[in-house]
C-alpha atoms as a PDB file:
ATOM      1  CA  MET A   1     -95.972  17.115  69.527  1.00  0.00           C
ATOM      2  CA  GLY A   2     -94.253  14.680  71.795  1.00  0.00           C
ATOM      3  CA  ASP A   3     -91.801  11.908  71.098  1.00  0.00           C
ATOM      4  CA  ASN A   4     -94.421   9.213  70.534  1.00  0.00           C
ATOM      5  CA  GLY A   5     -95.367  10.267  67.021  1.00  0.00           C
ATOM      6  CA  PRO A   6     -97.613  12.969  65.599  1.00  0.00           C
ATOM      7  CA  VAL A   7    -101.083  13.919  66.661  1.00  0.00           C
ATOM      8  CA  ASN A   8    -103.806  14.480  64.108  1.00  0.00           C
ATOM      9  CA  ASP A   9    -102.617  17.682  62.437  1.00  0.00           C
ATOM     10  CA  ALA A  10    -100.706  18.889  59.415  1.00  0.00           C
ATOM     11  CA  ARG A  11     -97.418  19.167  61.308  1.00  0.00           C
ATOM     12  CA  SER A  12     -96.709  15.511  60.668  1.00  0.00           C
ATOM     13  CA  THR A  13     -97.043  15.990  56.905  1.00  0.00           C
ATOM     14  CA  THR A  14     -95.062  19.214  56.710  1.00  0.00           C
ATOM     15  CA  GLN A  15     -92.070  18.102  58.733  1.00  0.00           C
ATOM     16  CA  ASN A  16     -88.511  17.020  58.166  1.00  0.00           C
ATOM     17  CA  LEU A  17     -87.866  13.279  58.025  1.00  0.00           C
ATOM     18  CA  GLN A  18     -84.156  12.598  58.070  1.00  0.00           C
ATOM     19  CA  PRO A  19     -82.510   9.844  55.991  1.00  0.00           C
ATOM     20  CA  GLY A  20     -81.774   6.962  58.332  1.00  0.00           C
ATOM     21  CA  ASP A  21     -85.041   7.216  60.274  1.00  0.00           C
ATOM     22  CA  GLU A  22     -87.088   4.035  60.080  1.00  0.00           C
ATOM     23  CA  THR A  23     -89.873   5.859  58.269  1.00  0.00           C
ATOM     24  CA  ALA A  24     -87.656   8.343  56.437  1.00  0.00           C
ATOM     25  CA  PRO A  25     -87.407   8.377  52.649  1.00  0.00           C
ATOM     26  CA  GLU A  26     -84.269   6.991  51.080  1.00  0.00           C
ATOM     27  CA  ARG A  27     -82.138   9.283  48.955  1.00  0.00           C
ATOM     28  CA  GLY A  28     -83.523   9.173  45.437  1.00  0.00           C
ATOM     29  CA  SER A  29     -87.049   8.236  46.580  1.00  0.00           C
ATOM     30  CA  ARG A  30     -90.133  10.302  45.757  1.00  0.00           C
ATOM     31  CA  LEU A  31     -90.145  11.882  49.208  1.00  0.00           C
ATOM     32  CA  TYR A  32     -86.478  12.772  49.400  1.00  0.00           C
ATOM     33  CA  PRO A  33     -86.445  16.000  47.293  1.00  0.00           C
ATOM     34  CA  ARG A  34     -88.634  17.772  49.867  1.00  0.00           C
ATOM     35  CA  VAL A  35     -86.969  16.666  53.119  1.00  0.00           C
ATOM     36  CA  THR A  36     -86.939  20.268  54.345  1.00  0.00           C
ATOM     37  CA  SER A  37     -90.740  20.003  54.582  1.00  0.00           C
ATOM     38  CA  PHE A  38     -90.719  17.090  57.017  1.00  0.00           C
ATOM     39  CA  ARG A  39     -89.650  16.897  60.646  1.00  0.00           C
ATOM     40  CA  SER A  40     -87.857  13.821  61.976  1.00  0.00           C
ATOM     41  CA  ARG A  41     -90.061  10.852  62.898  1.00  0.00           C
ATOM     42  CA  ARG A  42     -89.252   7.291  63.926  1.00  0.00           C
ATOM     43  CA  GLY A  43     -91.530   4.336  64.336  1.00  0.00           C
ATOM     44  CA  ALA A  44     -92.093   0.828  63.091  1.00  0.00           C
ATOM     45  CA  LEU A  45     -95.475  -0.828  62.729  1.00  0.00           C
ATOM     46  CA  THR A  46     -96.706  -3.250  65.359  1.00  0.00           C
ATOM     47  CA  GLU A  47     -97.644  -6.733  64.216  1.00  0.00           C
ATOM     48  CA  ALA A  48    -101.333  -5.820  64.392  1.00  0.00           C
ATOM     49  CA  GLN A  49    -100.764  -2.617  62.431  1.00  0.00           C
ATOM     50  CA  GLN A  50     -98.807  -4.476  59.768  1.00  0.00           C
ATOM     51  CA  THR A  51    -101.616  -7.007  59.423  1.00  0.00           C
ATOM     52  CA  THR A  52    -104.157  -4.234  58.924  1.00  0.00           C
ATOM     53  CA  TRP A  53    -101.809  -2.434  56.541  1.00  0.00           C
ATOM     54  CA  ASP A  54    -101.360  -5.532  54.386  1.00  0.00           C
ATOM     55  CA  ALA A  55    -105.123  -6.079  54.268  1.00  0.00           C
ATOM     56  CA  LEU A  56    -106.313  -2.523  53.566  1.00  0.00           C
ATOM     57  CA  TRP A  57    -103.512  -0.426  52.061  1.00  0.00           C
ATOM     58  CA  PRO A  58    -103.619  -1.997  48.571  1.00  0.00           C
ATOM     59  CA  THR A  59    -107.263  -0.930  48.275  1.00  0.00           C
ATOM     60  CA  ILE A  60    -107.602   2.364  50.151  1.00  0.00           C
ATOM     61  CA  GLY A  61    -103.999   3.616  50.264  1.00  0.00           C
ATOM     62  CA  ARG A  62    -101.554   4.959  47.686  1.00  0.00           C
ATOM     63  CA  ASP A  63     -98.006   6.267  47.746  1.00  0.00           C
ATOM     64  CA  VAL A  64     -97.200   9.513  46.002  1.00  0.00           C
ATOM     65  CA  ALA A  65     -96.787   9.034  42.266  1.00  0.00           C
ATOM     66  CA  ASP A  66     -97.194  10.731  38.891  1.00  0.00           C
ATOM     67  CA  ASP A  67    -100.466   8.955  38.195  1.00  0.00           C
ATOM     68  CA  LYS A  68    -103.517  11.193  38.273  1.00  0.00           C
ATOM     69  CA  ILE A  69    -106.205  10.055  40.681  1.00  0.00           C
ATOM     70  CA  ASP A  70    -109.635   9.228  39.318  1.00  0.00           C
ATOM     71  CA  VAL A  71    -111.317  10.054  42.608  1.00  0.00           C
ATOM     72  CA  ASP A  72    -114.765   8.723  41.704  1.00  0.00           C
ATOM     73  CA  ALA A  73    -113.301   5.437  40.465  1.00  0.00           C
ATOM     74  CA  TRP A  74    -111.147   5.034  43.593  1.00  0.00           C
ATOM     75  CA  PHE A  75    -114.148   5.482  45.887  1.00  0.00           C
ATOM     76  CA  GLY A  76    -116.529   3.659  43.603  1.00  0.00           C
ATOM     77  CA  ARG A  77    -118.987   6.537  43.575  1.00  0.00           C
ATOM     78  CA  SER A  78    -119.395  10.150  42.526  1.00  0.00           C
ATOM     79  CA  ALA A  79    -119.369  12.487  45.545  1.00  0.00           C
ATOM     80  CA  PRO A  80    -117.777  15.764  46.703  1.00  0.00           C
ATOM     81  CA  ALA A  81    -114.033  15.219  47.199  1.00  0.00           C
ATOM     82  CA  ILE A  82    -112.233  16.711  50.195  1.00  0.00           C
ATOM     83  CA  LEU A  83    -108.478  16.633  50.747  1.00  0.00           C
ATOM     84  CA  GLU A  84    -107.085  16.750  54.286  1.00  0.00           C
ATOM     85  CA  ILE A  85    -103.411  17.682  54.487  1.00  0.00           C
ATOM     86  CA  GLY A  86    -101.685  16.194  57.514  1.00  0.00           C
ATOM     87  CA  SER A  87    -103.981  13.561  58.971  1.00  0.00           C
ATOM     88  CA  GLY A  88    -101.582  12.362  61.695  1.00  0.00           C
ATOM     89  CA  THR A  89    -103.031   9.345  63.500  1.00  0.00           C
ATOM     90  CA  GLY A  90    -106.450   9.864  61.936  1.00  0.00           C
ATOM     91  CA  THR A  91    -108.550  10.762  64.973  1.00  0.00           C
ATOM     92  CA  ALA A  92    -110.078  13.882  63.406  1.00  0.00           C
ATOM     93  CA  THR A  93    -110.046  12.324  59.945  1.00  0.00           C
ATOM     94  CA  THR A  94    -112.215   9.387  60.918  1.00  0.00           C
ATOM     95  CA  ALA A  95    -114.536  11.544  63.030  1.00  0.00           C
ATOM     96  CA  MET A  96    -115.135  13.983  60.177  1.00  0.00           C
ATOM     97  CA  ALA A  97    -115.587  11.200  57.620  1.00  0.00           C
ATOM     98  CA  THR A  98    -118.185   9.588  59.872  1.00  0.00           C
ATOM     99  CA  ALA A  99    -119.965  12.929  60.259  1.00  0.00           C
ATOM    100  CA  GLU A 100    -119.949  13.459  56.470  1.00  0.00           C
ATOM    101  CA  PRO A 101    -120.742  10.079  54.892  1.00  0.00           C
ATOM    102  CA  HIS A 102    -121.769  11.860  51.686  1.00  0.00           C
ATOM    103  CA  VAL A 103    -118.209  13.063  50.903  1.00  0.00           C
ATOM    104  CA  ASN A 104    -115.127  11.285  49.582  1.00  0.00           C
ATOM    105  CA  LEU A 105    -112.338  12.167  52.011  1.00  0.00           C
ATOM    106  CA  MET A 106    -108.689  11.808  50.985  1.00  0.00           C
ATOM    107  CA  ALA A 107    -106.097  12.259  53.734  1.00  0.00           C
ATOM    108  CA  VAL A 108    -102.413  12.976  53.071  1.00  0.00           C
ATOM    109  CA  GLU A 109     -99.784  11.890  55.595  1.00  0.00           C
ATOM    110  CA  VAL A 110     -96.108  10.904  55.565  1.00  0.00           C
ATOM    111  CA  TYR A 111     -95.817   9.145  58.925  1.00  0.00           C
ATOM    112  CA  ARG A 112     -96.488   5.459  58.196  1.00  0.00           C
ATOM    113  CA  PRO A 113     -97.410   4.424  61.761  1.00  0.00           C
ATOM    114  CA  GLY A 114     -99.929   7.276  61.812  1.00  0.00           C
ATOM    115  CA  LEU A 115    -101.452   5.977  58.600  1.00  0.00           C
ATOM    116  CA  ALA A 116    -101.507   2.476  60.099  1.00  0.00           C
ATOM    117  CA  GLN A 117    -103.418   3.770  63.105  1.00  0.00           C
ATOM    118  CA  THR A 118    -105.863   5.451  60.749  1.00  0.00           C
ATOM    119  CA  LEU A 119    -106.338   2.175  58.898  1.00  0.00           C
ATOM    120  CA  GLN A 120    -107.106   0.426  62.183  1.00  0.00           C
ATOM    121  CA  GLN A 121    -109.763   3.022  63.011  1.00  0.00           C
ATOM    122  CA  ILE A 122    -111.256   2.658  59.539  1.00  0.00           C
ATOM    123  CA  GLU A 123    -111.400  -1.101  60.016  1.00  0.00           C
ATOM    124  CA  ARG A 124    -112.905  -0.946  63.518  1.00  0.00           C
ATOM    125  CA  GLN A 125    -115.523   1.646  62.604  1.00  0.00           C
ATOM    126  CA  HIS A 126    -116.315   0.211  59.155  1.00  0.00           C
ATOM    127  CA  ILE A 127    -115.709   3.571  57.462  1.00  0.00           C
ATOM    128  CA  ASP A 128    -115.882   3.404  53.677  1.00  0.00           C
ATOM    129  CA  ASN A 129    -115.450   7.029  52.603  1.00  0.00           C
ATOM    130  CA  ILE A 130    -111.731   7.545  53.405  1.00  0.00           C
ATOM    131  CA  ARG A 131    -108.746   7.016  51.124  1.00  0.00           C
ATOM    132  CA  LEU A 132    -105.145   7.583  52.273  1.00  0.00           C
ATOM    133  CA  LEU A 133    -102.148   9.056  50.470  1.00  0.00           C
ATOM    134  CA  ARG A 134     -98.603   8.697  51.770  1.00  0.00           C
ATOM    135  CA  GLY A 135     -96.356  11.501  50.615  1.00  0.00           C
ATOM    136  CA  ASP A 136     -95.700  15.211  50.402  1.00  0.00           C
ATOM    137  CA  ALA A 137     -98.924  17.186  50.123  1.00  0.00           C
ATOM    138  CA  MET A 138     -97.508  19.521  47.478  1.00  0.00           C
ATOM    139  CA  ASP A 139     -96.441  16.524  45.404  1.00  0.00           C
ATOM    140  CA  VAL A 140     -99.973  15.151  45.670  1.00  0.00           C
ATOM    141  CA  LEU A 141    -101.489  18.492  44.671  1.00  0.00           C
ATOM    142  CA  GLU A 142     -99.095  18.988  41.769  1.00  0.00           C
ATOM    143  CA  ASN A 143     -98.936  15.502  40.310  1.00  0.00           C
ATOM    144  CA  MET A 144    -101.891  13.419  41.466  1.00  0.00           C
ATOM    145  CA  LEU A 145    -104.827  15.840  41.358  1.00  0.00           C
ATOM    146  CA  THR A 146    -106.292  17.738  38.438  1.00  0.00           C
ATOM    147  CA  SER A 147    -107.711  21.251  38.162  1.00  0.00           C
ATOM    148  CA  GLU A 148    -111.126  21.730  39.744  1.00  0.00           C
ATOM    149  CA  SER A 149    -111.188  18.210  41.163  1.00  0.00           C
ATOM    150  CA  LEU A 150    -111.751  19.070  44.842  1.00  0.00           C
ATOM    151  CA  THR A 151    -114.740  20.424  46.718  1.00  0.00           C
ATOM    152  CA  GLY A 152    -112.689  21.237  49.805  1.00  0.00           C
ATOM    153  CA  VAL A 153    -109.201  21.286  51.316  1.00  0.00           C
ATOM    154  CA  ARG A 154    -108.414  21.153  55.048  1.00  0.00           C
ATOM    155  CA  VAL A 155    -105.096  22.087  56.636  1.00  0.00           C
ATOM    156  CA  PHE A 156    -105.221  21.834  60.407  1.00  0.00           C
ATOM    157  CA  PHE A 157    -102.274  23.020  62.514  1.00  0.00           C
ATOM    158  CA  PRO A 158     -99.486  23.164  59.931  1.00  0.00           C
ATOM    159  CA  ASP A 159     -96.011  23.514  61.414  1.00  0.00           C
ATOM    160  CA  PRO A 160     -95.384  27.241  62.044  1.00  0.00           C
ATOM    161  CA  TRP A 161     -91.596  27.007  61.654  1.00  0.00           C
ATOM    162  CA  PRO A 162     -91.343  30.031  63.984  1.00  0.00           C
ATOM    163  CA  LYS A 163     -87.723  30.977  63.330  1.00  0.00           C
ATOM    164  CA  VAL A 164     -87.400  33.542  60.551  1.00  0.00           C
ATOM    165  CA  ARG A 165     -84.693  31.559  58.789  1.00  0.00           C
ATOM    166  CA  HIS A 166     -87.131  28.624  58.578  1.00  0.00           C
ATOM    167  CA  HIS A 167     -90.095  30.544  57.180  1.00  0.00           C
ATOM    168  CA  LYS A 168     -89.276  29.273  53.712  1.00  0.00           C
ATOM    169  CA  ARG A 169     -90.237  25.800  54.934  1.00  0.00           C
ATOM    170  CA  ARG A 170     -93.781  26.812  55.773  1.00  0.00           C
ATOM    171  CA  LEU A 171     -96.390  24.932  53.802  1.00  0.00           C
ATOM    172  CA  LEU A 172     -98.891  27.749  53.407  1.00  0.00           C
ATOM    173  CA  GLN A 173     -97.267  30.317  51.141  1.00  0.00           C
ATOM    174  CA  GLY A 174     -98.373  32.043  47.961  1.00  0.00           C
ATOM    175  CA  PRO A 175     -97.586  29.187  45.538  1.00  0.00           C
ATOM    176  CA  THR A 176     -99.417  26.701  47.768  1.00  0.00           C
ATOM    177  CA  PHE A 177    -102.528  28.866  47.856  1.00  0.00           C
ATOM    178  CA  ALA A 178    -102.390  29.205  44.067  1.00  0.00           C
ATOM    179  CA  MET A 179    -102.100  25.426  43.678  1.00  0.00           C
ATOM    180  CA  ILE A 180    -104.963  24.753  46.093  1.00  0.00           C
ATOM    181  CA  ALA A 181    -107.136  27.364  44.363  1.00  0.00           C
ATOM    182  CA  ASP A 182    -106.516  25.670  41.017  1.00  0.00           C
ATOM    183  CA  ARG A 183    -107.479  22.260  42.401  1.00  0.00           C
ATOM    184  CA  LEU A 184    -110.698  23.548  43.981  1.00  0.00           C
ATOM    185  CA  LYS A 185    -113.931  23.538  42.041  1.00  0.00           C
ATOM    186  CA  PRO A 186    -115.711  26.892  41.738  1.00  0.00           C
ATOM    187  CA  GLY A 187    -117.501  27.354  45.048  1.00  0.00           C
ATOM    188  CA  GLY A 188    -115.018  25.036  46.792  1.00  0.00           C
ATOM    189  CA  VAL A 189    -113.592  25.831  50.219  1.00  0.00           C
ATOM    190  CA  LEU A 190    -110.192  25.953  51.924  1.00  0.00           C
ATOM    191  CA  HIS A 191    -110.304  25.632  55.718  1.00  0.00           C
ATOM    192  CA  VAL A 192    -107.147  26.297  57.750  1.00  0.00           C
ATOM    193  CA  ALA A 193    -106.697  26.190  61.522  1.00  0.00           C
ATOM    194  CA  THR A 194    -103.607  27.238  63.488  1.00  0.00           C
ATOM    195  CA  ASP A 195    -102.758  27.960  67.115  1.00  0.00           C
ATOM    196  CA  HIS A 196     -99.717  30.102  66.231  1.00  0.00           C
ATOM    197  CA  ALA A 197    -100.635  33.805  66.195  1.00  0.00           C
ATOM    198  CA  GLU A 198     -97.822  35.025  63.948  1.00  0.00           C
ATOM    199  CA  TYR A 199     -98.329  32.188  61.481  1.00  0.00           C
ATOM    200  CA  ALA A 200    -102.053  32.971  61.433  1.00  0.00           C
ATOM    201  CA  GLU A 201    -101.238  36.489  60.240  1.00  0.00           C
ATOM    202  CA  TRP A 202     -98.820  35.075  57.646  1.00  0.00           C
ATOM    203  CA  ILE A 203    -101.442  32.604  56.399  1.00  0.00           C
ATOM    204  CA  ALA A 204    -104.161  35.265  56.266  1.00  0.00           C
ATOM    205  CA  GLU A 205    -101.963  37.613  54.252  1.00  0.00           C
ATOM    206  CA  ALA A 206    -100.933  34.915  51.765  1.00  0.00           C
ATOM    207  CA  GLY A 207    -104.456  33.556  51.399  1.00  0.00           C
ATOM    208  CA  ASN A 208    -106.038  36.978  50.955  1.00  0.00           C
ATOM    209  CA  ALA A 209    -103.479  37.754  48.242  1.00  0.00           C
ATOM    210  CA  GLU A 210    -104.635  34.804  46.111  1.00  0.00           C
ATOM    211  CA  PRO A 211    -107.036  36.344  43.557  1.00  0.00           C
ATOM    212  CA  ALA A 212    -109.025  33.132  43.053  1.00  0.00           C
ATOM    213  CA  LEU A 213    -109.942  32.971  46.750  1.00  0.00           C
ATOM    214  CA  SER A 214    -112.238  35.241  48.714  1.00  0.00           C
ATOM    215  CA  VAL A 215    -114.043  35.426  52.031  1.00  0.00           C
ATOM    216  CA  LEU A 216    -116.715  32.754  51.979  1.00  0.00           C
ATOM    217  CA  ASP A 217    -120.119  34.398  51.544  1.00  0.00           C
ATOM    218  CA  TRP A 218    -122.127  31.397  50.376  1.00  0.00           C
ATOM    219  CA  GLU A 219    -123.194  28.142  51.986  1.00  0.00           C
ATOM    220  CA  SER A 220    -120.173  25.935  52.421  1.00  0.00           C
ATOM    221  CA  PRO A 221    -120.218  22.534  50.734  1.00  0.00           C
ATOM    222  CA  MET A 222    -118.497  20.969  53.765  1.00  0.00           C
ATOM    223  CA  THR A 223    -118.646  21.244  57.531  1.00  0.00           C
ATOM    224  CA  HIS A 224    -116.256  23.555  59.365  1.00  0.00           C
ATOM    225  CA  GLU A 225    -116.666  21.806  62.686  1.00  0.00           C
ATOM    226  CA  ARG A 226    -113.524  20.027  63.871  1.00  0.00           C
ATOM    227  CA  PRO A 227    -113.062  17.451  66.612  1.00  0.00           C
ATOM    228  CA  VAL A 228    -110.632  18.742  69.248  1.00  0.00           C
ATOM    229  CA  THR A 229    -107.450  16.710  68.809  1.00  0.00           C
ATOM    230  CA  LYS A 230    -105.019  15.757  71.563  1.00  0.00           C
ATOM    231  CA  PHE A 231    -102.629  18.419  70.300  1.00  0.00           C
ATOM    232  CA  GLU A 232    -105.279  21.138  70.276  1.00  0.00           C
ATOM    233  CA  GLY A 233    -106.365  20.190  73.780  1.00  0.00           C
ATOM    234  CA  LYS A 234    -102.810  20.688  75.032  1.00  0.00           C
ATOM    235  CA  ALA A 235    -102.617  24.039  73.268  1.00  0.00           C
ATOM    236  CA  GLN A 236    -105.806  25.180  74.964  1.00  0.00           C
ATOM    237  CA  LEU A 237    -104.433  24.196  78.379  1.00  0.00           C
ATOM    238  CA  VAL A 238    -101.496  26.584  77.930  1.00  0.00           C
ATOM    239  CA  GLY A 239    -103.733  29.383  76.677  1.00  0.00           C
ATOM    240  CA  SER A 240    -103.065  29.176  72.946  1.00  0.00           C
ATOM    241  CA  SER A 241    -106.063  30.329  70.951  1.00  0.00           C
ATOM    242  CA  VAL A 242    -106.971  28.744  67.629  1.00  0.00           C
ATOM    243  CA  THR A 243    -107.499  30.872  64.524  1.00  0.00           C
ATOM    244  CA  GLU A 244    -109.860  29.513  61.868  1.00  0.00           C
ATOM    245  CA  LEU A 245    -109.308  30.808  58.324  1.00  0.00           C
ATOM    246  CA  ILE A 246    -111.803  29.949  55.597  1.00  0.00           C
ATOM    247  CA  TRP A 247    -111.774  30.942  51.936  1.00  0.00           C
ATOM    248  CA  GLY A 248    -113.978  30.060  49.010  1.00  0.00           C
ATOM    249  CA  LYS A 249    -113.042  29.823  45.348  1.00  0.00           C
ATOM    250  CA  SER A 250    -114.987  32.300  43.267  1.00  0.00           C
ATOM    251  CA  ARG A 251    -117.948  30.758  41.482  1.00  0.00           C
END
């Protein structure tokens, strides 16, 4: 990612915001305990973004909290619920929500300007099946979602933290897979994409070790087609191949 904020991928939600950044959590806030999971990001909202935020966030956005989400009540309908971890500026999020109007899509992101851009796209395109969560994805999984409440989980391009001493910061490890598996309904799907070869092997090993997950051998309840994001396009230009990893929860 460049210096202008995150693209639409999980790196922006699994990065290290530093206290003092304009969008960083203050010490003692809900986000602060997991600062090692967030990379530094700066950015204030434009006047137009703030206007959209004030109009839409109270209805379709929530900050991380201990309150369990009643997904059907929040969307005002009963539909398959999909969680996207790391929605960045929302380009892929809005495209996939438009392509799947029959699902309730919740997107987790920390970077407030990215969420504001997503809100603007939702407003422009009149999308009604997206809800946004600002916070740490693991906090959302642990404290805001209940067992067997999700039909699908998407994690696209999580930060690989390539240095060995930083591997402990990686989002997709054994405990994360166990948590995701618990939150998935039987027959639910986890879809991961990464352009980092070594991390792909790490992810595959950890995911295959989770006993509740297996290679998907039934019809998926959600699409596995992804719009090519700005970040992925750059990766392709330099020859980085993308690995798609898909598991299903045993039915």
